[in-house]
Protein backbone atom coordinates (compact mmCIF):
# COMPACT_ATOMS: atom_id res chain seq x y z
CA MET A 1 24.41 21.10 33.18
CA PRO A 2 27.63 19.15 33.85
CA ASN A 3 30.86 20.37 32.29
CA THR A 4 32.12 17.47 30.14
CA LEU A 5 35.40 19.26 29.32
CA ASN A 6 36.86 18.67 32.80
CA LYS A 7 38.24 15.16 32.58
CA TYR A 8 40.98 13.89 34.79
CA VAL A 9 43.61 11.24 34.13
CA LYS A 10 44.56 8.73 36.81
CA PHE A 11 48.08 7.27 37.03
CA VAL A 12 48.72 3.63 37.91
CA ARG A 13 52.07 1.84 38.21
CA GLY A 14 52.21 -1.93 38.12
CA SER A 15 53.58 -5.18 36.79
CA LYS A 16 52.89 -6.72 33.40
CA THR A 17 50.95 -9.51 35.09
CA ALA A 18 48.68 -7.12 37.00
CA PHE A 19 48.03 -5.12 33.82
CA GLU A 20 47.19 -8.25 31.81
CA ASN A 21 44.86 -9.43 34.60
CA LEU A 22 42.76 -6.28 34.15
CA GLY A 23 41.57 -7.69 30.82
CA THR A 24 38.81 -5.47 29.42
CA ARG A 25 38.52 -3.47 32.67
CA LYS A 26 41.28 -1.02 31.68
CA ASP A 27 40.09 2.56 32.24
CA ASN A 28 40.42 4.80 29.15
CA ASP A 29 41.23 7.78 31.42
CA THR A 30 44.13 6.05 33.18
CA LEU A 31 47.84 6.09 32.32
CA TYR A 32 49.40 2.74 33.18
CA PHE A 33 53.17 2.60 33.79
CA ILE A 34 53.93 -1.10 33.28
CA TYR A 35 57.19 -2.95 33.95
CA GLY A 36 58.54 -6.43 34.61
CA GLU A 37 60.28 -7.18 37.89
CA ASN A 38 63.72 -7.58 36.32
CA ASP A 39 63.23 -5.17 33.40
CA SER A 40 65.21 -1.97 33.01
CA SER A 41 62.51 -0.60 30.71
CA GLY A 42 58.74 -0.48 30.65
CA GLU A 43 55.65 0.48 28.68
CA LEU A 44 53.17 3.32 28.92
CA TYR A 45 49.47 2.76 28.13
CA LEU A 46 46.47 5.07 28.04
CA GLY A 47 43.73 2.60 28.81
CA SER A 48 44.51 -0.38 26.59
CA ARG A 49 46.29 1.75 23.95
CA LEU A 50 50.08 1.45 23.94
CA ILE A 51 51.51 4.98 23.98
CA ARG A 52 55.19 4.10 24.27
CA GLY A 53 56.90 0.74 24.52
CA GLY A 54 60.39 -0.10 25.69
CA ILE A 55 60.84 3.02 27.78
CA SER A 56 64.37 2.83 29.06
CA SER A 57 66.44 4.79 31.49
CA ALA A 58 69.72 5.11 29.61
CA GLY A 59 72.44 6.68 31.71
CA LYS A 60 74.77 7.41 28.78
CA LEU A 61 74.64 7.61 24.99
CA SER A 62 76.36 4.25 24.52
CA ASP A 63 73.41 2.61 26.34
CA LEU A 64 71.08 3.57 23.47
CA SER A 65 70.60 0.97 20.74
CA ASP A 66 70.47 3.38 17.78
CA ILE A 67 73.78 5.16 18.44
CA VAL A 68 77.21 3.94 17.30
CA LEU A 69 80.19 5.70 18.89
CA ASN A 70 83.69 5.07 17.52
CA GLU A 71 86.82 6.83 18.75
CA VAL A 72 84.97 9.84 20.11
CA LYS A 73 86.94 13.09 19.88
CA THR A 74 86.36 16.67 20.98
CA ASN A 75 83.87 18.74 18.96
CA GLN A 76 82.34 15.79 17.08
CA VAL A 77 78.61 15.77 16.41
CA LEU A 78 76.12 12.97 15.89
CA THR A 79 74.72 12.54 12.37
CA TYR A 80 72.16 10.04 11.14
CA ASN A 81 73.53 7.32 8.82
CA GLU A 82 70.69 6.20 6.52
CA GLU A 83 72.47 2.96 5.52
CA GLN A 84 73.07 1.86 9.12
CA LYS A 85 69.77 3.39 10.34
CA LYS A 86 71.72 4.67 13.34
CA TRP A 87 73.27 7.84 14.71
CA VAL A 88 77.07 7.95 14.37
CA ASN A 89 79.81 10.32 15.48
């Protein structure tokens, strides 16, 4: 009797065009790391299901879109500002 609990996930990296060209042939047991040629971010899919979009490689806090830093000083902490919907120092 085969053991159906042992499933493996395959990883594939590719362009948005190649991913779109797969159409309905996307494998549900494959993680697809998708990016555009000139993009600094990408998307992660499990089969055709988007797991995470806009994955970015920020090198510093100021690169993140939901953080506002003004006159940063020693020992400050980030707090969430509900009105701005952003993290502020």
